[in-house]
PDB file of N, CA and C in Angstrom:
ATOM      1  N   MET A   1     -42.362  51.467  55.268  1.00  0.00           N
ATOM      2  CA  MET A   1     -41.848  52.755  54.980  1.00  0.00           C
ATOM      3  C   MET A   1     -42.156  53.765  56.153  1.00  0.00           C
ATOM      4  N   LYS A   2     -43.378  53.662  56.738  1.00  0.00           N
ATOM      5  CA  LYS A   2     -43.773  54.611  57.848  1.00  0.00           C
ATOM      6  C   LYS A   2     -42.844  54.481  58.922  1.00  0.00           C
ATOM      7  N   ASN A   3     -42.567  53.258  59.292  1.00  0.00           N
ATOM      8  CA  ASN A   3     -41.569  53.159  60.469  1.00  0.00           C
ATOM      9  C   ASN A   3     -40.337  53.817  60.276  1.00  0.00           C
ATOM     10  N   SER A   4     -39.638  53.778  59.057  1.00  0.00           N
ATOM     11  CA  SER A   4     -38.409  54.378  58.835  1.00  0.00           C
ATOM     12  C   SER A   4     -38.615  55.949  58.802  1.00  0.00           C
ATOM     13  N   ASN A   5     -39.711  56.390  58.317  1.00  0.00           N
ATOM     14  CA  ASN A   5     -39.937  57.786  58.306  1.00  0.00           C
ATOM     15  C   ASN A   5     -40.095  58.389  59.714  1.00  0.00           C
ATOM     16  N   VAL A   6     -40.917  57.635  60.584  1.00  0.00           N
ATOM     17  CA  VAL A   6     -40.922  57.940  61.959  1.00  0.00           C
ATOM     18  C   VAL A   6     -39.615  57.992  62.661  1.00  0.00           C
ATOM     19  N   LEU A   7     -38.796  57.035  62.429  1.00  0.00           N
ATOM     20  CA  LEU A   7     -37.450  56.867  62.986  1.00  0.00           C
ATOM     21  C   LEU A   7     -36.631  58.123  62.535  1.00  0.00           C
ATOM     22  N   LEU A   8     -36.667  58.389  61.230  1.00  0.00           N
ATOM     23  CA  LEU A   8     -35.851  59.578  60.781  1.00  0.00           C
ATOM     24  C   LEU A   8     -36.292  60.834  61.393  1.00  0.00           C
ATOM     25  N   GLY A   9     -37.661  61.003  61.519  1.00  0.00           N
ATOM     26  CA  GLY A   9     -38.176  62.245  62.208  1.00  0.00           C
ATOM     27  C   GLY A   9     -37.774  62.322  63.684  1.00  0.00           C
ATOM     28  N   VAL A  10     -37.799  61.269  64.360  1.00  0.00           N
ATOM     29  CA  VAL A  10     -37.387  61.225  65.821  1.00  0.00           C
ATOM     30  C   VAL A  10     -35.887  61.576  65.901  1.00  0.00           C
ATOM     31  N   LEU A  11     -35.090  60.964  65.084  1.00  0.00           N
ATOM     32  CA  LEU A  11     -33.743  61.148  65.169  1.00  0.00           C
ATOM     33  C   LEU A  11     -33.419  62.680  64.852  1.00  0.00           C
ATOM     34  N   GLY A  12     -34.155  63.192  63.797  1.00  0.00           N
ATOM     35  CA  GLY A  12     -33.974  64.588  63.354  1.00  0.00           C
ATOM     36  C   GLY A  12     -34.348  65.537  64.564  1.00  0.00           C
ATOM     37  N   GLY A  13     -35.526  65.249  65.167  1.00  0.00           N
ATOM     38  CA  GLY A  13     -35.924  66.016  66.300  1.00  0.00           C
ATOM     39  C   GLY A  13     -34.889  66.040  67.493  1.00  0.00           C
ATOM     40  N   VAL A  14     -34.379  64.827  67.797  1.00  0.00           N
ATOM     41  CA  VAL A  14     -33.425  64.684  68.827  1.00  0.00           C
ATOM     42  C   VAL A  14     -32.129  65.520  68.462  1.00  0.00           C
ATOM     43  N   ALA A  15     -31.738  65.579  67.196  1.00  0.00           N
ATOM     44  CA  ALA A  15     -30.519  66.208  66.853  1.00  0.00           C
ATOM     45  C   ALA A  15     -30.820  67.754  66.931  1.00  0.00           C
ATOM     46  N   VAL A  16     -31.908  68.155  66.442  1.00  0.00           N
ATOM     47  CA  VAL A  16     -32.177  69.697  66.574  1.00  0.00           C
ATOM     48  C   VAL A  16     -32.344  70.105  68.061  1.00  0.00           C
ATOM     49  N   GLY A  17     -32.925  69.283  68.821  1.00  0.00           N
ATOM     50  CA  GLY A  17     -33.119  69.604  70.319  1.00  0.00           C
ATOM     51  C   GLY A  17     -31.792  69.700  71.021  1.00  0.00           C
ATOM     52  N   ALA A  18     -30.987  68.694  70.689  1.00  0.00           N
ATOM     53  CA  ALA A  18     -29.622  68.606  71.318  1.00  0.00           C
ATOM     54  C   ALA A  18     -28.868  69.804  70.965  1.00  0.00           C
ATOM     55  N   ALA A  19     -28.797  70.183  69.704  1.00  0.00           N
ATOM     56  CA  ALA A  19     -28.004  71.297  69.242  1.00  0.00           C
ATOM     57  C   ALA A  19     -28.467  72.605  69.764  1.00  0.00           C
ATOM     58  N   LEU A  20     -29.798  72.740  69.830  1.00  0.00           N
ATOM     59  CA  LEU A  20     -30.414  74.011  70.494  1.00  0.00           C
ATOM     60  C   LEU A  20     -30.095  74.089  71.926  1.00  0.00           C
ATOM     61  N   GLY A  21     -30.175  72.958  72.620  1.00  0.00           N
ATOM     62  CA  GLY A  21     -29.825  72.970  73.961  1.00  0.00           C
ATOM     63  C   GLY A  21     -28.397  73.268  74.341  1.00  0.00           C
ATOM     64  N   ILE A  22     -27.555  72.750  73.403  1.00  0.00           N
ATOM     65  CA  ILE A  22     -26.126  73.047  73.617  1.00  0.00           C
ATOM     66  C   ILE A  22     -25.796  74.564  73.357  1.00  0.00           C
ATOM     67  N   LEU A  23     -26.440  75.058  72.161  1.00  0.00           N
ATOM     68  CA  LEU A  23     -26.118  76.406  71.826  1.00  0.00           C
ATOM     69  C   LEU A  23     -26.660  77.432  72.922  1.00  0.00           C
ATOM     70  N   PHE A  24     -27.700  77.149  73.515  1.00  0.00           N
ATOM     71  CA  PHE A  24     -28.260  78.160  74.571  1.00  0.00           C
ATOM     72  C   PHE A  24     -27.654  77.926  75.966  1.00  0.00           C
ATOM     73  N   ALA A  25     -26.960  76.847  76.144  1.00  0.00           N
ATOM     74  CA  ALA A  25     -26.328  76.605  77.421  1.00  0.00           C
ATOM     75  C   ALA A  25     -25.153  77.525  77.640  1.00  0.00           C
ATOM     76  N   PRO A  26     -24.997  78.058  78.852  1.00  0.00           N
ATOM     77  CA  PRO A  26     -23.807  79.034  79.032  1.00  0.00           C
ATOM     78  C   PRO A  26     -22.529  78.242  79.154  1.00  0.00           C
ATOM     79  N   ALA A  27     -21.783  78.280  78.057  1.00  0.00           N
ATOM     80  CA  ALA A  27     -20.407  77.568  78.028  1.00  0.00           C
ATOM     81  C   ALA A  27     -19.538  78.388  77.047  1.00  0.00           C
ATOM     82  N   LYS A  28     -18.182  78.076  77.183  1.00  0.00           N
ATOM     83  CA  LYS A  28     -17.306  78.748  76.173  1.00  0.00           C
ATOM     84  C   LYS A  28     -17.518  78.172  74.814  1.00  0.00           C
ATOM     85  N   GLY A  29     -17.205  78.949  73.813  1.00  0.00           N
ATOM     86  CA  GLY A  29     -17.269  78.513  72.423  1.00  0.00           C
ATOM     87  C   GLY A  29     -16.641  77.197  72.108  1.00  0.00           C
ATOM     88  N   SER A  30     -15.403  76.978  72.609  1.00  0.00           N
ATOM     89  CA  SER A  30     -14.631  75.771  72.386  1.00  0.00           C
ATOM     90  C   SER A  30     -15.395  74.655  73.004  1.00  0.00           C
ATOM     91  N   GLU A  31     -15.891  74.860  74.175  1.00  0.00           N
ATOM     92  CA  GLU A  31     -16.655  73.672  74.896  1.00  0.00           C
ATOM     93  C   GLU A  31     -17.957  73.327  74.030  1.00  0.00           C
ATOM     94  N   THR A  32     -18.635  74.413  73.625  1.00  0.00           N
ATOM     95  CA  THR A  32     -19.779  74.206  72.891  1.00  0.00           C
ATOM     96  C   THR A  32     -19.522  73.537  71.590  1.00  0.00           C
ATOM     97  N   ARG A  33     -18.509  73.859  70.907  1.00  0.00           N
ATOM     98  CA  ARG A  33     -18.186  73.154  69.683  1.00  0.00           C
ATOM     99  C   ARG A  33     -17.837  71.692  69.871  1.00  0.00           C
ATOM    100  N   LYS A  34     -17.130  71.457  71.002  1.00  0.00           N
ATOM    101  CA  LYS A  34     -16.796  70.072  71.358  1.00  0.00           C
ATOM    102  C   LYS A  34     -18.053  69.251  71.644  1.00  0.00           C
ATOM    103  N   LYS A  35     -19.014  69.842  72.383  1.00  0.00           N
ATOM    104  CA  LYS A  35     -20.257  69.153  72.731  1.00  0.00           C
ATOM    105  C   LYS A  35     -21.086  68.896  71.442  1.00  0.00           C
ATOM    106  N   ILE A  36     -21.019  69.881  70.616  1.00  0.00           N
ATOM    107  CA  ILE A  36     -21.837  69.686  69.294  1.00  0.00           C
ATOM    108  C   ILE A  36     -21.227  68.547  68.484  1.00  0.00           C
ATOM    109  N   ALA A  37     -19.796  68.508  68.437  1.00  0.00           N
ATOM    110  CA  ALA A  37     -19.120  67.445  67.707  1.00  0.00           C
ATOM    111  C   ALA A  37     -19.372  66.113  68.323  1.00  0.00           C
ATOM    112  N   ASP A  38     -19.411  66.084  69.639  1.00  0.00           N
ATOM    113  CA  ASP A  38     -19.706  64.808  70.384  1.00  0.00           C
ATOM    114  C   ASP A  38     -21.076  64.290  70.112  1.00  0.00           C
ATOM    115  N   LYS A  39     -22.004  65.234  70.231  1.00  0.00           N
ATOM    116  CA  LYS A  39     -23.518  64.813  69.987  1.00  0.00           C
ATOM    117  C   LYS A  39     -23.565  64.389  68.543  1.00  0.00           C
ATOM    118  N   GLY A  40     -23.000  65.064  67.606  1.00  0.00           N
ATOM    119  CA  GLY A  40     -23.076  64.629  66.200  1.00  0.00           C
ATOM    120  C   GLY A  40     -22.514  63.280  65.908  1.00  0.00           C
ATOM    121  N   SER A  41     -21.347  62.972  66.639  1.00  0.00           N
ATOM    122  CA  SER A  41     -20.781  61.659  66.560  1.00  0.00           C
ATOM    123  C   SER A  41     -21.668  60.579  67.140  1.00  0.00           C
ATOM    124  N   ASP A  42     -22.366  60.873  68.384  1.00  0.00           N
ATOM    125  CA  ASP A  42     -23.275  59.953  68.952  1.00  0.00           C
ATOM    126  C   ASP A  42     -24.467  59.738  68.013  1.00  0.00           C
ATOM    127  N   LEU A  43     -24.979  60.757  67.441  1.00  0.00           N
ATOM    128  CA  LEU A  43     -26.134  60.640  66.588  1.00  0.00           C
ATOM    129  C   LEU A  43     -25.782  59.822  65.349  1.00  0.00           C
ATOM    130  N   LYS A  44     -24.601  60.056  64.779  1.00  0.00           N
ATOM    131  CA  LYS A  44     -24.123  59.262  63.609  1.00  0.00           C
ATOM    132  C   LYS A  44     -23.982  57.771  63.980  1.00  0.00           C
ATOM    133  N   ASP A  45     -23.536  57.509  65.208  1.00  0.00           N
ATOM    134  CA  ASP A  45     -23.366  56.124  65.631  1.00  0.00           C
ATOM    135  C   ASP A  45     -24.733  55.469  65.869  1.00  0.00           C
ATOM    136  N   ASN A  46     -25.619  56.203  66.463  1.00  0.00           N
ATOM    137  CA  ASN A  46     -27.022  55.682  66.683  1.00  0.00           C
ATOM    138  C   ASN A  46     -27.675  55.490  65.354  1.00  0.00           C
ATOM    139  N   PHE A  47     -27.572  56.371  64.382  1.00  0.00           N
ATOM    140  CA  PHE A  47     -28.086  56.206  63.082  1.00  0.00           C
ATOM    141  C   PHE A  47     -27.578  55.010  62.318  1.00  0.00           C
ATOM    142  N   LYS A  48     -26.292  54.802  62.422  1.00  0.00           N
ATOM    143  CA  LYS A  48     -25.694  53.634  61.699  1.00  0.00           C
ATOM    144  C   LYS A  48     -26.249  52.288  62.376  1.00  0.00           C
ATOM    145  N   ASP A  49     -26.313  52.302  63.645  1.00  0.00           N
ATOM    146  CA  ASP A  49     -26.863  51.103  64.388  1.00  0.00           C
ATOM    147  C   ASP A  49     -28.296  50.868  63.934  1.00  0.00           C
ATOM    148  N   SER A  50     -29.137  51.919  63.860  1.00  0.00           N
ATOM    149  CA  SER A  50     -30.516  51.762  63.464  1.00  0.00           C
ATOM    150  C   SER A  50     -30.634  51.202  62.006  1.00  0.00           C
ATOM    151  N   LEU A  51     -29.692  51.762  61.124  1.00  0.00           N
ATOM    152  CA  LEU A  51     -29.687  51.351  59.800  1.00  0.00           C
ATOM    153  C   LEU A  51     -29.275  49.872  59.747  1.00  0.00           C
ATOM    154  N   THR A  52     -28.316  49.546  60.431  1.00  0.00           N
ATOM    155  CA  THR A  52     -27.844  48.120  60.550  1.00  0.00           C
ATOM    156  C   THR A  52     -28.933  47.166  60.942  1.00  0.00           C
ATOM    157  N   LYS A  53     -29.636  47.528  61.945  1.00  0.00           N
ATOM    158  CA  LYS A  53     -30.781  46.673  62.458  1.00  0.00           C
ATOM    159  C   LYS A  53     -31.835  46.642  61.481  1.00  0.00           C
ATOM    160  N   LEU A  54     -32.210  47.730  60.861  1.00  0.00           N
ATOM    161  CA  LEU A  54     -33.247  47.688  59.769  1.00  0.00           C
ATOM    162  C   LEU A  54     -32.853  46.905  58.617  1.00  0.00           C
ATOM    163  N   SER A  55     -31.485  46.952  58.138  1.00  0.00           N
ATOM    164  CA  SER A  55     -31.061  46.106  57.034  1.00  0.00           C
ATOM    165  C   SER A  55     -31.151  44.620  57.388  1.00  0.00           C
ATOM    166  N   GLU A  56     -30.675  44.255  58.608  1.00  0.00           N
ATOM    167  CA  GLU A  56     -30.814  42.924  59.041  1.00  0.00           C
ATOM    168  C   GLU A  56     -32.306  42.354  59.035  1.00  0.00           C
ATOM    169  N   LYS A  57     -33.113  43.273  59.459  1.00  0.00           N
ATOM    170  CA  LYS A  57     -34.614  42.947  59.545  1.00  0.00           C
ATOM    171  C   LYS A  57     -35.175  42.668  58.113  1.00  0.00           C
ATOM    172  N   ILE A  58     -34.775  43.529  57.289  1.00  0.00           N
ATOM    173  CA  ILE A  58     -35.153  43.483  55.800  1.00  0.00           C
ATOM    174  C   ILE A  58     -34.603  42.213  55.194  1.00  0.00           C
ATOM    175  N   SER A  59     -33.349  41.902  55.418  1.00  0.00           N
ATOM    176  CA  SER A  59     -32.660  40.736  54.885  1.00  0.00           C
ATOM    177  C   SER A  59     -33.224  39.414  55.360  1.00  0.00           C
ATOM    178  N   SER A  60     -33.683  39.482  56.651  1.00  0.00           N
ATOM    179  CA  SER A  60     -34.260  38.311  57.265  1.00  0.00           C
ATOM    180  C   SER A  60     -35.668  38.116  56.640  1.00  0.00           C
ATOM    181  N   SER A  61     -36.416  39.133  56.367  1.00  0.00           N
ATOM    182  CA  SER A  61     -37.655  39.064  55.806  1.00  0.00           C
ATOM    183  C   SER A  61     -37.622  38.499  54.388  1.00  0.00           C
ATOM    184  N   VAL A  62     -36.611  39.093  53.675  1.00  0.00           N
ATOM    185  CA  VAL A  62     -36.437  38.581  52.209  1.00  0.00           C
ATOM    186  C   VAL A  62     -36.033  37.185  52.224  1.00  0.00           C
ATOM    187  N   ASP A  63     -35.281  36.638  53.099  1.00  0.00           N
ATOM    188  CA  ASP A  63     -34.862  35.215  53.175  1.00  0.00           C
ATOM    189  C   ASP A  63     -36.161  34.374  53.469  1.00  0.00           C
ATOM    190  N   GLY A  64     -36.952  34.914  54.377  1.00  0.00           N
ATOM    191  CA  GLY A  64     -38.164  34.177  54.749  1.00  0.00           C
ATOM    192  C   GLY A  64     -39.037  34.119  53.579  1.00  0.00           C
ATOM    193  N   PHE A  65     -39.217  35.249  52.880  1.00  0.00           N
ATOM    194  CA  PHE A  65     -40.057  35.195  51.623  1.00  0.00           C
ATOM    195  C   PHE A  65     -39.542  34.300  50.531  1.00  0.00           C
ATOM    196  N   LYS A  66     -38.262  34.228  50.482  1.00  0.00           N
ATOM    197  CA  LYS A  66     -37.561  33.376  49.445  1.00  0.00           C
ATOM    198  C   LYS A  66     -37.885  31.935  49.802  1.00  0.00           C
ATOM    199  N   ASP A  67     -37.669  31.562  51.100  1.00  0.00           N
ATOM    200  CA  ASP A  67     -37.956  30.188  51.406  1.00  0.00           C
ATOM    201  C   ASP A  67     -39.430  29.809  51.236  1.00  0.00           C
ATOM    202  N   GLU A  68     -40.305  30.741  51.540  1.00  0.00           N
ATOM    203  CA  GLU A  68     -41.780  30.379  51.291  1.00  0.00           C
ATOM    204  C   GLU A  68     -42.036  30.234  49.744  1.00  0.00           C
ATOM    205  N   ALA A  69     -41.355  31.135  48.942  1.00  0.00           N
ATOM    206  CA  ALA A  69     -41.575  31.055  47.474  1.00  0.00           C
ATOM    207  C   ALA A  69     -41.030  29.664  47.000  1.00  0.00           C
ATOM    208  N   GLN A  70     -39.937  29.222  47.468  1.00  0.00           N
ATOM    209  CA  GLN A  70     -39.415  28.003  47.049  1.00  0.00           C
ATOM    210  C   GLN A  70     -40.317  26.782  47.431  1.00  0.00           C
ATOM    211  N   GLU A  71     -40.862  26.764  48.697  1.00  0.00           N
ATOM    212  CA  GLU A  71     -41.835  25.816  49.086  1.00  0.00           C
ATOM    213  C   GLU A  71     -43.032  25.836  48.234  1.00  0.00           C
ATOM    214  N   LEU A  72     -43.590  26.987  47.867  1.00  0.00           N
ATOM    215  CA  LEU A  72     -44.711  27.119  47.045  1.00  0.00           C
ATOM    216  C   LEU A  72     -44.437  26.556  45.720  1.00  0.00           C
ATOM    217  N   LEU A  73     -43.256  26.824  45.055  1.00  0.00           N
ATOM    218  CA  LEU A  73     -42.890  26.270  43.789  1.00  0.00           C
ATOM    219  C   LEU A  73     -42.851  24.809  43.885  1.00  0.00           C
ATOM    220  N   ALA A  74     -42.177  24.254  44.857  1.00  0.00           N
ATOM    221  CA  ALA A  74     -42.102  22.819  45.022  1.00  0.00           C
ATOM    222  C   ALA A  74     -43.408  22.152  45.120  1.00  0.00           C
ATOM    223  N   ASP A  75     -44.381  22.726  45.842  1.00  0.00           N
ATOM    224  CA  ASP A  75     -45.767  22.328  45.947  1.00  0.00           C
ATOM    225  C   ASP A  75     -46.450  22.299  44.597  1.00  0.00           C
ATOM    226  N   ALA A  76     -46.309  23.472  43.911  1.00  0.00           N
ATOM    227  CA  ALA A  76     -46.861  23.569  42.595  1.00  0.00           C
ATOM    228  C   ALA A  76     -46.377  22.496  41.594  1.00  0.00           C
ATOM    229  N   GLU A  77     -44.996  22.302  41.638  1.00  0.00           N
ATOM    230  CA  GLU A  77     -44.445  21.302  40.799  1.00  0.00           C
ATOM    231  C   GLU A  77     -45.121  19.834  41.058  1.00  0.00           C
ATOM    232  N   GLN A  78     -45.231  19.601  42.348  1.00  0.00           N
ATOM    233  CA  GLN A  78     -45.787  18.320  42.777  1.00  0.00           C
ATOM    234  C   GLN A  78     -47.281  18.184  42.199  1.00  0.00           C
ATOM    235  N   LYS A  79     -48.040  19.283  42.412  1.00  0.00           N
ATOM    236  CA  LYS A  79     -49.421  19.201  41.993  1.00  0.00           C
ATOM    237  C   LYS A  79     -49.462  19.009  40.466  1.00  0.00           C
ATOM    238  N   ILE A  80     -48.546  19.654  39.774  1.00  0.00           N
ATOM    239  CA  ILE A  80     -48.515  19.503  38.240  1.00  0.00           C
ATOM    240  C   ILE A  80     -48.306  18.057  37.823  1.00  0.00           C
ATOM    241  N   LYS A  81     -47.325  17.447  38.525  1.00  0.00           N
ATOM    242  CA  LYS A  81     -46.948  16.036  38.343  1.00  0.00           C
ATOM    243  C   LYS A  81     -48.208  15.178  38.528  1.00  0.00           C
ATOM    244  N   GLU A  82     -48.819  15.463  39.667  1.00  0.00           N
ATOM    245  CA  GLU A  82     -50.030  14.684  40.012  1.00  0.00           C
ATOM    246  C   GLU A  82     -51.093  14.802  39.013  1.00  0.00           C
ATOM    247  N   GLU A  83     -51.427  16.025  38.574  1.00  0.00           N
ATOM    248  CA  GLU A  83     -52.463  16.279  37.572  1.00  0.00           C
ATOM    249  C   GLU A  83     -52.093  15.709  36.233  1.00  0.00           C
ATOM    250  N   LYS A  84     -50.824  15.758  35.927  1.00  0.00           N
ATOM    251  CA  LYS A  84     -50.378  15.191  34.579  1.00  0.00           C
ATOM    252  C   LYS A  84     -50.541  13.606  34.652  1.00  0.00           C
ATOM    253  N   ALA A  85     -50.244  13.077  35.841  1.00  0.00           N
ATOM    254  CA  ALA A  85     -50.497  11.570  36.032  1.00  0.00           C
ATOM    255  C   ALA A  85     -51.983  11.247  35.887  1.00  0.00           C
ATOM    256  N   ASN A  86     -52.861  12.066  36.543  1.00  0.00           N
ATOM    257  CA  ASN A  86     -54.269  11.903  36.339  1.00  0.00           C
ATOM    258  C   ASN A  86     -54.795  12.007  35.014  1.00  0.00           C
ATOM    259  N   PHE A  87     -54.234  13.014  34.243  1.00  0.00           N
ATOM    260  CA  PHE A  87     -54.580  13.237  32.921  1.00  0.00           C
ATOM    261  C   PHE A  87     -54.258  11.920  32.025  1.00  0.00           C
ATOM    262  N   GLU A  88     -53.010  11.376  32.254  1.00  0.00           N
ATOM    263  CA  GLU A  88     -52.632  10.279  31.501  1.00  0.00           C
ATOM    264  C   GLU A  88     -53.434   9.075  31.818  1.00  0.00           C
ATOM    265  N   ASN A  89     -53.947   8.913  33.040  1.00  0.00           N
ATOM    266  CA  ASN A  89     -54.753   7.865  33.426  1.00  0.00           C
ATOM    267  C   ASN A  89     -56.077   8.020  32.760  1.00  0.00           C
ATOM    268  N   LEU A  90     -56.670   9.281  32.692  1.00  0.00           N
ATOM    269  CA  LEU A  90     -57.887   9.451  31.990  1.00  0.00           C
ATOM    270  C   LEU A  90     -57.770   9.138  30.518  1.00  0.00           C
ATOM    271  N   LYS A  91     -56.642   9.524  29.922  1.00  0.00           N
ATOM    272  CA  LYS A  91     -56.473   9.163  28.555  1.00  0.00           C
ATOM    273  C   LYS A  91     -56.487   7.710  28.298  1.00  0.00           C
ATOM    274  N   ASP A  92     -55.748   6.901  29.205  1.00  0.00           N
ATOM    275  CA  ASP A  92     -55.770   5.510  28.997  1.00  0.00           C
ATOM    276  C   ASP A  92     -57.103   4.832  29.275  1.00  0.00           C
ATOM    277  N   ILE A  93     -57.832   5.367  30.163  1.00  0.00           N
ATOM    278  CA  ILE A  93     -59.239   4.938  30.310  1.00  0.00           C
ATOM    279  C   ILE A  93     -60.099   5.203  29.164  1.00  0.00           C
ATOM    280  N   ASN A  94     -59.912   6.400  28.565  1.00  0.00           N
ATOM    281  CA  ASN A  94     -60.670   6.801  27.408  1.00  0.00           C
ATOM    282  C   ASN A  94     -60.372   5.900  26.244  1.00  0.00           C
ATOM    283  N   LYS A  95     -59.049   5.568  26.002  1.00  0.00           N
ATOM    284  CA  LYS A  95     -58.670   4.671  24.962  1.00  0.00           C
ATOM    285  C   LYS A  95     -59.315   3.304  25.069  1.00  0.00           C
ATOM    286  N   SER A  96     -59.272   2.729  26.388  1.00  0.00           N
ATOM    287  CA  SER A  96     -59.882   1.398  26.541  1.00  0.00           C
ATOM    288  C   SER A  96     -61.323   1.411  26.360  1.00  0.00           C
ATOM    289  N   ILE A  97     -62.045   2.525  26.653  1.00  0.00           N
ATOM    290  CA  ILE A  97     -63.392   2.585  26.369  1.00  0.00           C
ATOM    291  C   ILE A  97     -63.765   2.658  24.966  1.00  0.00           C
ATOM    292  N   LEU A  98     -62.980   3.453  24.231  1.00  0.00           N
ATOM    293  CA  LEU A  98     -63.331   3.587  22.740  1.00  0.00           C
ATOM    294  C   LEU A  98     -62.734   2.399  22.082  1.00  0.00           C
TER     295      LEU A  98
END
């Protein structure tokens, strides 16, 4: 969560800085509005790219965790089968002794 908060903070700072820089630059109003619209579009595209990358990273992590969980479950099932077999063997040995 901290990384996403930092990313949002940086993007917000860049947006505010760009807007202030454009507003204080000597240019006609129509040019300034166009620059602001262009910067907004660029920021929107950068934000979408960042979200896409973050989403892919999260998806990849979830897939990795899912695979690990399936492996752990398979190992646990195998251990349970082995312990069941050991228990049955002990029961058989106990019956033969008694």
